[in-house]
Protein backbone atom coordinates (compact mmCIF):
# COMPACT_ATOMS: atom_id res chain seq x y z
CA MET A 1 -30.76 -43.84 16.28
CA SER A 2 -29.59 -41.09 14.07
CA LYS A 3 -33.05 -40.75 12.42
CA SER A 4 -34.26 -37.96 14.63
CA TRP A 5 -37.01 -36.21 12.68
CA LEU A 6 -39.31 -34.03 14.83
CA ASN A 7 -36.75 -31.34 15.60
CA GLY A 8 -35.24 -31.30 12.23
CA MET A 9 -38.59 -30.95 10.54
CA ARG A 10 -39.03 -27.49 11.89
CA GLY A 11 -36.22 -26.25 9.72
CA LEU A 12 -37.54 -27.96 6.60
CA VAL A 13 -40.04 -25.24 5.61
CA VAL A 14 -38.51 -22.28 7.61
CA ILE A 15 -35.10 -22.72 5.86
CA ALA A 16 -33.23 -20.09 7.91
CA LEU A 17 -35.81 -17.29 7.29
CA LEU A 18 -36.88 -16.76 10.85
CA ALA A 19 -36.13 -13.29 12.11
CA GLY A 20 -32.92 -14.32 13.71
CA GLY A 21 -31.83 -16.37 10.73
CA SER A 22 -30.01 -15.44 7.56
CA LEU A 23 -30.93 -14.91 4.00
CA PRO A 24 -28.95 -15.73 0.93
CA LEU A 25 -26.65 -12.82 0.03
CA SER A 26 -25.23 -13.36 -3.45
CA ALA A 27 -23.16 -15.87 -5.32
CA GLN A 28 -20.00 -14.62 -3.50
CA GLU A 29 -19.33 -15.65 -0.04
CA LYS A 30 -19.62 -12.72 2.43
CA VAL A 31 -19.34 -11.76 6.03
CA ALA A 32 -21.70 -9.10 7.31
CA ALA A 33 -19.50 -6.03 8.14
CA ASP A 34 -21.85 -4.34 10.53
CA PRO A 35 -25.42 -5.66 11.03
CA ALA A 36 -26.47 -2.60 13.02
CA GLU A 37 -25.65 -0.22 10.28
CA GLU A 38 -27.23 -2.49 7.69
CA THR A 39 -30.54 -2.68 9.70
CA GLU A 40 -30.77 1.11 10.13
CA SER A 41 -30.22 1.99 6.49
CA ALA A 42 -31.85 -0.81 4.70
CA ASP A 43 -35.31 0.57 4.62
CA GLY A 44 -34.32 3.59 2.64
CA ALA A 45 -31.77 1.77 0.42
CA GLU A 46 -31.54 3.03 -3.03
CA ALA A 47 -29.97 1.68 -6.13
CA PRO A 48 -26.03 1.83 -5.87
CA SER A 49 -24.30 4.86 -7.29
CA LEU A 50 -21.13 2.89 -8.05
CA THR A 51 -21.02 -0.12 -10.25
CA VAL A 52 -19.04 -1.88 -12.92
CA GLY A 53 -18.11 0.79 -15.55
CA SER A 54 -18.08 3.68 -12.98
CA LYS A 55 -15.03 5.82 -12.74
CA ALA A 56 -13.09 4.63 -9.59
CA PRO A 57 -13.17 7.17 -6.77
CA ALA A 58 -9.87 8.59 -5.60
CA ILE A 59 -8.70 7.05 -2.41
CA SER A 60 -7.35 8.85 0.71
CA ILE A 61 -6.00 6.15 3.14
CA GLU A 62 -4.48 7.25 6.50
CA HIS A 63 -2.13 4.37 7.24
CA TRP A 64 0.01 2.51 4.57
CA ILE A 65 1.36 -0.36 6.55
CA SER A 66 3.18 -2.36 3.77
CA ASP A 67 4.28 -1.32 0.36
CA GLY A 68 5.11 -4.58 -1.52
CA GLN A 69 8.75 -4.43 -0.02
CA GLY A 70 9.40 -1.14 -1.64
CA LYS A 71 7.79 -1.84 -5.11
CA PHE A 72 4.80 0.43 -4.52
CA LYS A 73 4.03 3.96 -3.45
CA PRO A 74 0.89 5.35 -1.66
CA VAL A 75 -1.84 5.98 -4.17
CA GLU A 76 -4.58 8.61 -4.24
CA ASP A 77 -5.43 8.86 -8.01
CA PHE A 78 -5.11 5.88 -10.31
CA GLU A 79 -2.46 6.11 -12.89
CA GLU A 80 -3.57 5.50 -16.57
CA GLY A 81 -2.24 2.28 -17.94
CA LYS A 82 -1.98 0.43 -14.56
CA VAL A 83 -4.56 -1.92 -12.91
CA TYR A 84 -5.34 -1.79 -9.36
CA VAL A 85 -7.11 -4.18 -6.99
CA VAL A 86 -8.81 -2.25 -4.14
CA GLU A 87 -9.73 -4.88 -1.58
CA PHE A 88 -11.59 -4.53 1.76
CA TRP A 89 -10.88 -6.69 4.75
CA ALA A 90 -10.84 -6.77 8.56
CA THR A 91 -8.75 -8.63 11.18
CA TRP A 92 -11.94 -10.37 12.57
CA CYS A 93 -12.99 -11.64 9.17
CA GLY A 94 -12.05 -15.34 8.69
CA PRO A 95 -12.61 -15.36 4.87
CA CYS A 96 -10.53 -12.15 4.62
CA VAL A 97 -7.59 -13.74 6.42
CA SER A 98 -7.88 -16.88 4.40
CA SER A 99 -7.69 -14.84 1.25
CA MET A 100 -4.35 -13.21 2.14
CA PRO A 101 -2.01 -16.10 0.82
CA HIS A 102 -3.99 -15.79 -2.51
CA LEU A 103 -3.63 -12.05 -2.64
CA ALA A 104 0.13 -12.24 -1.97
CA GLU A 105 0.46 -14.89 -4.77
CA ILE A 106 -1.47 -12.75 -7.14
CA GLN A 107 0.55 -9.65 -6.32
CA ASN A 108 3.83 -11.51 -6.91
CA SER A 109 2.53 -12.82 -10.29
CA TYR A 110 1.43 -9.49 -11.57
CA ALA A 111 3.91 -7.07 -10.00
CA GLU A 112 5.76 -6.64 -13.25
CA LYS A 113 2.64 -6.26 -15.22
CA GLY A 114 1.59 -2.98 -13.69
CA VAL A 115 -0.85 -4.43 -10.98
CA GLN A 116 -1.01 -2.98 -7.56
CA ILE A 117 -3.16 -4.69 -4.83
CA ILE A 118 -4.27 -2.28 -2.02
CA SER A 119 -6.00 -3.94 0.87
CA ILE A 120 -8.10 -1.69 3.07
CA SER A 121 -9.30 -2.10 6.68
CA ASP A 122 -11.26 0.41 8.60
CA GLU A 123 -9.87 -0.60 11.97
CA GLU A 124 -7.43 1.39 14.19
CA LEU A 125 -3.72 1.05 13.41
CA GLU A 126 -2.95 -0.63 16.64
CA VAL A 127 -5.58 -3.37 16.09
CA VAL A 128 -4.05 -4.13 12.65
CA GLN A 129 -0.49 -3.96 13.92
CA GLY A 130 -1.34 -6.49 16.70
CA PHE A 131 -2.87 -8.88 14.18
CA LEU A 132 0.09 -8.82 11.90
CA LYS A 133 2.27 -10.14 14.62
CA ARG A 134 0.29 -13.35 14.70
CA PRO A 135 1.80 -16.45 12.87
CA VAL A 136 0.17 -17.74 9.75
CA ARG A 137 -1.46 -21.02 10.56
CA GLY A 138 0.31 -23.92 8.90
CA ALA A 139 3.01 -21.67 7.25
CA LYS A 140 6.70 -21.90 7.97
CA GLY A 141 9.60 -19.81 6.82
CA PRO A 142 13.13 -21.10 5.80
CA LYS A 143 15.24 -22.64 8.51
CA ALA A 144 17.93 -20.29 9.85
CA ALA A 145 21.59 -21.45 9.87
CA LYS A 146 23.34 -21.83 13.16
CA GLU A 147 27.03 -22.63 13.49
CA ASP A 148 27.83 -25.29 15.99
CA SER A 149 30.89 -25.12 18.26
CA GLU A 150 33.08 -26.36 15.46
CA GLY A 151 31.78 -23.61 13.05
CA ASP A 152 29.47 -26.00 11.02
CA ALA A 153 26.98 -23.82 9.23
CA ASP A 154 25.10 -26.76 7.80
CA ASN A 155 23.35 -27.39 11.10
CA LYS A 156 19.86 -25.78 11.04
CA THR A 157 17.57 -24.64 13.73
CA ALA A 158 13.83 -25.28 13.50
CA ALA A 159 11.78 -23.27 10.96
CA LYS A 160 10.49 -19.96 12.10
CA PRO A 161 6.85 -19.30 11.70
CA VAL A 162 5.61 -16.78 9.05
CA THR A 163 3.81 -13.86 10.48
CA TYR A 164 0.87 -12.11 8.70
CA ALA A 165 3.15 -9.08 8.51
CA LYS A 166 5.63 -11.10 6.35
CA LEU A 167 2.85 -12.69 4.35
CA THR A 168 1.10 -9.39 3.48
CA SER A 169 4.40 -7.49 2.84
CA ALA A 170 4.06 -8.69 -0.87
CA TYR A 171 1.19 -6.08 -1.27
CA CYS A 172 -0.10 -2.88 -0.05
CA LEU A 173 -1.88 -3.45 3.28
CA THR A 174 -3.56 -0.38 4.84
CA THR A 175 -6.04 0.79 7.25
CA ASP A 176 -8.30 3.91 7.04
CA PRO A 177 -10.15 4.29 10.40
CA ASP A 178 -12.38 7.16 9.34
CA GLY A 179 -14.00 4.80 6.71
CA SER A 180 -14.06 7.24 3.94
CA VAL A 181 -12.77 4.86 1.39
CA LYS A 182 -15.08 2.17 2.50
CA ALA A 183 -17.95 4.62 2.07
CA ASP A 184 -16.88 5.68 -1.43
CA TYR A 185 -16.55 1.98 -2.53
CA MET A 186 -18.47 -0.51 -0.44
CA GLU A 187 -21.44 1.56 0.64
CA ALA A 188 -21.70 3.37 -2.76
CA SER A 189 -21.88 0.06 -4.57
CA GLY A 190 -24.23 -1.54 -2.19
CA GLN A 191 -21.75 -4.27 -1.05
CA ASN A 192 -22.64 -5.35 2.48
CA GLY A 193 -20.06 -7.79 3.29
CA ILE A 194 -16.24 -8.52 3.13
CA PRO A 195 -13.90 -9.54 1.71
CA THR A 196 -14.86 -7.67 -1.48
CA SER A 197 -12.45 -6.62 -4.25
CA PHE A 198 -12.79 -3.86 -6.85
CA ILE A 199 -10.51 -4.10 -9.97
CA VAL A 200 -9.71 -0.66 -11.42
CA GLY A 201 -8.79 -1.04 -15.05
CA LYS A 202 -6.16 0.79 -17.12
CA SER A 203 -8.64 3.67 -17.99
CA GLY A 204 -9.49 4.25 -14.21
CA LEU A 205 -12.98 2.53 -14.55
CA ILE A 206 -14.19 -0.24 -12.28
CA GLU A 207 -14.07 -3.42 -14.25
CA TRP A 208 -15.02 -6.16 -11.81
CA ILE A 209 -16.45 -6.44 -8.32
CA GLY A 210 -16.45 -9.62 -6.30
CA HIS A 211 -14.86 -12.02 -3.77
CA PRO A 212 -10.90 -11.84 -4.06
CA MET A 213 -10.80 -15.62 -4.43
CA SER A 214 -12.72 -15.33 -7.64
CA MET A 215 -10.70 -12.71 -9.40
CA ASP A 216 -7.98 -14.66 -11.20
CA MET A 217 -9.81 -14.97 -14.58
CA PRO A 218 -11.05 -11.40 -14.67
CA LEU A 219 -7.74 -9.97 -13.62
CA GLU A 220 -5.82 -11.96 -16.27
CA LYS A 221 -8.27 -10.65 -19.00
CA ILE A 222 -8.20 -7.14 -17.79
CA VAL A 223 -4.44 -7.03 -17.75
CA SER A 224 -4.27 -8.52 -21.36
CA ASP A 225 -7.06 -6.19 -22.64
CA GLU A 226 -9.41 -9.08 -23.32
CA TRP A 227 -12.14 -8.25 -20.66
CA ASP A 228 -15.67 -7.93 -21.70
CA ARG A 229 -16.95 -5.33 -19.16
CA ASP A 230 -20.40 -4.95 -20.63
CA ALA A 231 -21.10 -8.77 -20.44
CA PHE A 232 -20.04 -8.87 -16.74
CA LEU A 233 -22.00 -5.54 -15.93
CA GLU A 234 -25.33 -7.17 -17.08
CA GLU A 235 -24.92 -10.04 -14.80
CA PHE A 236 -23.55 -7.93 -11.95
CA ARG A 237 -26.32 -5.29 -12.16
CA LYS A 238 -28.85 -8.25 -11.51
CA GLU A 239 -26.63 -9.29 -8.52
CA GLN A 240 -26.67 -5.73 -7.09
CA GLU A 241 -30.39 -5.49 -7.38
CA ARG A 242 -30.89 -8.89 -5.72
CA ASP A 243 -28.51 -7.84 -2.93
CA LEU A 244 -30.60 -4.74 -2.34
CA VAL A 245 -33.79 -6.67 -2.19
CA MET A 246 -32.19 -9.16 0.23
CA THR A 247 -30.90 -6.43 2.49
CA LYS A 248 -34.39 -4.91 2.65
CA LEU A 249 -35.99 -8.32 3.20
CA ARG A 250 -33.61 -9.31 6.01
CA THR A 251 -34.37 -6.00 7.87
CA LYS A 252 -38.06 -6.53 7.66
CA MET A 253 -37.64 -10.10 8.97
CA GLN A 254 -35.38 -8.98 11.77
CA ARG A 255 -38.09 -6.45 12.84
CA GLY A 256 -40.86 -9.05 12.67
CA ASP A 257 -42.55 -6.94 9.90
CA ALA A 258 -44.13 -9.80 7.95
CA GLU A 259 -46.35 -7.80 5.88
CA GLY A 260 -43.52 -5.41 4.96
CA ALA A 261 -41.31 -8.37 3.79
CA LEU A 262 -43.98 -9.69 1.46
CA GLU A 263 -44.39 -6.07 0.09
CA VAL A 264 -40.70 -5.94 -0.64
CA LEU A 265 -40.86 -9.19 -2.63
CA ALA A 266 -44.04 -8.18 -4.43
CA ALA A 267 -42.27 -4.96 -5.64
CA ALA A 268 -39.11 -6.92 -6.51
CA LYS A 269 -41.07 -9.50 -8.58
CA GLN A 270 -42.79 -6.64 -10.49
CA ALA A 271 -39.50 -4.88 -11.12
CA ALA A 272 -37.99 -8.13 -12.45
CA GLU A 273 -40.62 -8.54 -15.11
CA GLY A 274 -39.17 -10.39 -18.07
CA ASP A 275 -36.44 -11.92 -16.03
CA ALA A 276 -37.79 -15.53 -15.48
CA GLU A 277 -34.94 -16.64 -13.34
CA THR A 278 -35.01 -13.75 -10.93
CA GLN A 279 -38.92 -13.84 -10.68
CA ALA A 280 -38.66 -17.60 -9.97
CA MET A 281 -36.26 -16.99 -7.05
CA TYR A 282 -38.53 -14.30 -5.53
CA SER A 283 -41.57 -16.53 -5.93
CA GLN A 284 -39.67 -19.27 -4.07
CA LEU A 285 -38.72 -16.81 -1.31
CA GLU A 286 -42.35 -15.65 -1.06
CA PHE A 287 -43.48 -19.30 -0.56
CA ARG A 288 -40.93 -19.76 2.18
CA LEU A 289 -41.72 -16.62 3.90
CA LYS A 290 -45.38 -17.40 4.15
CA ALA A 291 -44.70 -20.80 5.45
CA THR A 292 -42.41 -19.36 8.00
CA PHE A 293 -45.04 -16.95 9.05
CA ALA A 294 -47.52 -19.91 9.32
CA MET A 295 -44.96 -21.88 11.47
CA GLN A 296 -44.38 -18.82 13.69
CA LYS A 297 -48.08 -18.68 14.57
CA ILE A 298 -48.07 -22.35 15.36
CA GLN A 299 -45.05 -22.00 17.58
CA ALA A 300 -46.73 -19.08 19.34
CA GLY A 301 -49.70 -21.15 20.25
CA GLU A 302 -51.96 -19.95 17.46
CA THR A 303 -52.14 -23.39 16.02
CA LYS A 304 -55.49 -23.37 14.19
CA GLU A 305 -54.63 -20.12 12.47
CA GLY A 306 -51.19 -21.38 11.52
CA LEU A 307 -52.64 -24.53 10.17
CA ALA A 308 -55.14 -22.70 8.25
CA ASP A 309 -52.38 -20.66 6.57
CA LEU A 310 -50.59 -23.78 5.63
CA ASP A 311 -53.77 -25.14 4.06
CA ALA A 312 -54.15 -21.87 1.96
CA LEU A 313 -50.52 -22.26 0.71
CA MET A 314 -51.09 -25.83 -0.27
CA ALA A 315 -53.94 -24.84 -2.53
CA THR A 316 -51.52 -23.26 -4.97
CA ALA A 317 -48.24 -24.87 -4.13
CA ALA A 318 -46.18 -26.90 -6.58
CA PRO A 319 -45.93 -30.70 -5.76
CA ALA A 320 -42.44 -30.33 -4.11
CA GLU A 321 -43.67 -27.43 -2.09
CA LYS A 322 -46.95 -29.05 -1.12
CA GLN A 323 -44.95 -32.07 0.26
CA GLN A 324 -42.87 -29.70 2.51
CA LEU A 325 -46.20 -28.00 3.67
CA VAL A 326 -47.81 -31.37 4.49
CA LEU A 327 -44.84 -32.55 6.50
CA ALA A 328 -44.77 -29.22 8.37
CA LYS A 329 -48.40 -29.56 9.13
CA LEU A 330 -48.00 -32.97 10.47
CA ASN A 331 -45.18 -31.71 12.72
CA ALA A 332 -47.24 -28.96 13.93
CA MET A 333 -50.22 -31.37 14.84
CA LEU A 334 -47.95 -33.56 16.72
CA SER A 335 -46.40 -30.71 18.65
CA ALA A 336 -49.99 -29.56 19.60
CA ASP A 337 -50.94 -33.13 20.64
CA MET A 338 -53.55 -33.25 17.83
CA HIS A 339 -52.94 -36.95 17.56
CA ASP A 340 -56.11 -38.11 15.78
CA ASP A 341 -55.79 -35.25 13.22
CA ALA A 342 -52.17 -36.13 12.66
CA ALA A 343 -53.09 -39.77 12.26
CA LYS A 344 -55.47 -38.89 9.45
CA LEU A 345 -52.76 -36.71 7.80
CA LEU A 346 -50.13 -39.40 8.20
CA THR A 347 -52.33 -42.00 6.46
CA GLU A 348 -53.04 -39.43 3.70
CA ILE A 349 -49.19 -38.84 3.18
CA SER A 350 -48.54 -42.58 3.29
CA GLY A 351 -51.07 -43.26 0.54
CA ALA A 352 -49.58 -40.55 -1.73
CA GLU A 353 -47.88 -41.94 -4.89
CA GLU A 354 -44.89 -39.62 -4.45
CA THR A 355 -44.21 -40.66 -0.80
CA THR A 356 -40.98 -42.64 -0.76
CA PRO A 357 -39.90 -45.48 1.58
CA GLU A 358 -37.35 -43.21 3.09
CA MET A 359 -39.89 -40.54 3.90
CA LEU A 360 -42.31 -43.27 5.33
CA ASN A 361 -39.47 -44.39 7.47
CA GLN A 362 -38.81 -40.77 8.70
CA LEU A 363 -42.42 -40.27 9.47
CA ALA A 364 -42.81 -43.67 11.44
CA TRP A 365 -39.51 -42.95 13.45
CA GLY A 366 -40.77 -39.54 14.32
CA ILE A 367 -43.89 -41.02 15.88
CA TYR A 368 -41.76 -43.56 17.72
CA GLU A 369 -39.45 -40.81 19.18
CA LEU A 370 -42.47 -38.80 20.17
CA ALA A 371 -43.81 -41.74 22.14
CA LYS A 372 -40.49 -43.04 23.52
CA ASP A 373 -38.32 -40.12 24.14
CA ASN A 374 -41.01 -37.54 25.14
CA LYS A 375 -43.01 -40.26 27.04
CA LYS A 376 -46.24 -39.25 25.40
CA ASP A 377 -49.23 -41.53 25.25
CA LEU A 378 -50.25 -41.64 21.54
CA SER A 379 -53.72 -42.20 20.37
CA GLU A 380 -54.53 -45.64 18.90
CA PRO A 381 -55.22 -44.16 15.40
CA LEU A 382 -51.79 -42.44 15.41
CA THR A 383 -50.05 -45.55 16.53
CA LYS A 384 -51.76 -47.56 13.80
CA ALA A 385 -50.89 -45.04 11.28
CA ALA A 386 -47.24 -45.05 12.21
CA MET A 387 -47.16 -48.89 12.09
CA ALA A 388 -48.86 -48.81 8.70
CA ALA A 389 -46.22 -46.40 7.42
CA ALA A 390 -43.45 -48.50 8.60
CA GLU A 391 -44.93 -51.72 7.26
CA LYS A 392 -45.50 -50.13 3.90
CA ALA A 393 -41.75 -48.89 3.84
CA VAL A 394 -40.45 -52.50 4.66
CA LYS A 395 -42.76 -54.02 2.06
CA ALA A 396 -41.26 -51.69 -0.57
CA GLU A 397 -37.65 -52.38 0.46
CA PRO A 398 -37.67 -55.66 2.54
CA LYS A 399 -33.81 -55.77 2.79
CA ASN A 400 -33.24 -52.25 4.01
CA SER A 401 -31.83 -52.39 7.45
CA MET A 402 -32.91 -48.90 8.54
CA LEU A 403 -36.54 -49.64 7.62
CA LEU A 404 -36.54 -52.91 9.36
CA ASP A 405 -35.04 -51.32 12.52
CA THR A 406 -37.70 -48.63 12.66
CA LEU A 407 -40.40 -51.25 12.34
CA ALA A 408 -38.81 -53.32 15.01
CA HIS A 409 -38.76 -50.39 17.38
CA LEU A 410 -42.42 -49.72 16.83
CA VAL A 411 -43.39 -53.39 17.14
CA HIS A 412 -41.50 -53.65 20.40
CA LEU A 413 -43.26 -50.54 21.67
CA GLN A 414 -46.47 -52.23 21.06
CA GLY A 415 -45.35 -55.28 23.17
CA ASP A 416 -44.70 -57.81 20.48
CA LEU A 417 -41.21 -58.87 21.53
CA ASP A 418 -40.94 -61.95 19.34
CA ARG A 419 -41.63 -60.15 16.19
CA ALA A 420 -39.36 -57.27 17.14
CA ILE A 421 -36.54 -59.76 17.53
CA GLU A 422 -37.35 -61.42 14.21
CA LEU A 423 -37.34 -57.99 12.52
CA GLN A 424 -34.18 -56.79 14.24
CA THR A 425 -32.40 -59.93 13.28
CA GLU A 426 -33.30 -59.44 9.69
CA ALA A 427 -32.04 -55.78 9.97
CA ALA A 428 -28.75 -57.02 11.33
CA ALA A 429 -28.41 -59.38 8.38
CA HIS A 430 -28.49 -56.56 5.82
CA LEU A 431 -25.86 -54.18 7.10
CA ASP A 432 -23.52 -54.20 4.18
CA GLU A 433 -24.06 -50.60 3.07
CA ALA A 434 -24.85 -49.30 6.57
CA SER A 435 -22.58 -46.81 8.54
CA ASP A 436 -20.57 -48.00 11.38
CA ASP A 437 -22.79 -46.13 13.80
CA ALA A 438 -25.88 -47.70 12.28
CA LYS A 439 -24.25 -51.17 12.53
CA GLU A 440 -23.50 -50.70 16.22
CA GLU A 441 -26.93 -49.25 17.05
CA ILE A 442 -28.75 -51.99 15.29
CA ALA A 443 -26.62 -54.63 16.90
CA GLY A 444 -27.11 -53.05 20.22
CA PHE A 445 -30.89 -53.01 20.11
CA LEU A 446 -30.95 -56.61 18.93
CA GLU A 447 -28.93 -57.41 22.05
CA GLU A 448 -31.27 -55.59 24.15
CA LEU A 449 -34.23 -57.39 22.83
CA LYS A 450 -32.50 -60.80 23.30
CA GLU A 451 -31.57 -59.88 26.90
CA GLU A 452 -35.22 -58.90 27.52
CA LYS A 453 -36.48 -62.24 26.17
CA ALA A 454 -34.06 -64.02 28.40
CA GLY A 455 -35.43 -62.17 31.37
CA LYS A 456 -32.13 -60.41 32.16
């Protein structure tokens, strides 16, 4: 069945915070530019020196590959009264490549309004030139005329694919292998992923920083002199500070420095005093980290110590967090073959008012899989607790096919073939809202039970 639980439970509390996992970056989608550089520099990371409202640094780019089909000239200093988009990309970055049609569209729309898009990679010229020869997926150019033997020019050949060179010819595509512009913009502003765009306004100040797919509205307002830079700066400054914390936190986790990670969060919470939203986010991260460290101990064989840490967390956890921890604790007990302890906890969970029939079903199915797929002999108390959870779920929703199916499997495992057939027949009668896979699996198990009854 598609109700696998035990393996999935490991991710419920950890939530991608293990050393090899990822942490949330910011509201904009990002691709890490160089994890090695990030790890080396993160411990000493300081507040960004470049932000919204800063004077845009002059740019010195080595290779100008396209010039908007002759509309633009290479730029070093930004001309007053014009608007520039300085965007950072790479050939290997999927979101960067996906943004190219949008950049071309924006450049075409704003070319006559004093806007110039400058897209900068730090790769070698040969790498970029090789990439530009590739066809744009799903894009085709106009069909080329081809005269037939009678001179008929109406006959057309197949459409030729549009290359990335053709697509990006609308704006200024460049590469700067020494990385100087990247350092002046990306590193100075604390931006650790691409694609990232900087809009330089008419006065030469940075007006906006973000993902190029999100710049339509701010660009329109900047061009029309309606942009509220101060309002954006207030929110962006918070984002920069959060990004800095996340970068430090990720580095600590990658190095296995649990205490260091918690110290980073403690300092961040103190610095965010008065900002309830940010403090709540850091508190949630702190909870997740502590739960992660407890689960790491359990996975390393330090089961008692890990369980004790989970209990300590539960003492102060909010109801939703406590529920996650209880489920994680049950999973740890089952993995450590602490069946009788797991049975007591399962009974406690089943009796809790907030436990839903769906959760009871997941718990019962997890016990079934443990016995069936892993071929483990379960203790009698654990078996009874699983059966009681499944029975309670069915009693709450007697026409739920998935709940009935779980109970049928457990009953069959206990050797009661007749009742298993009865339950599975009932499950098969309530499949109106079930998926096709569920219908097939429920029908298949019913057929197996009937064949077993017939002695086949």
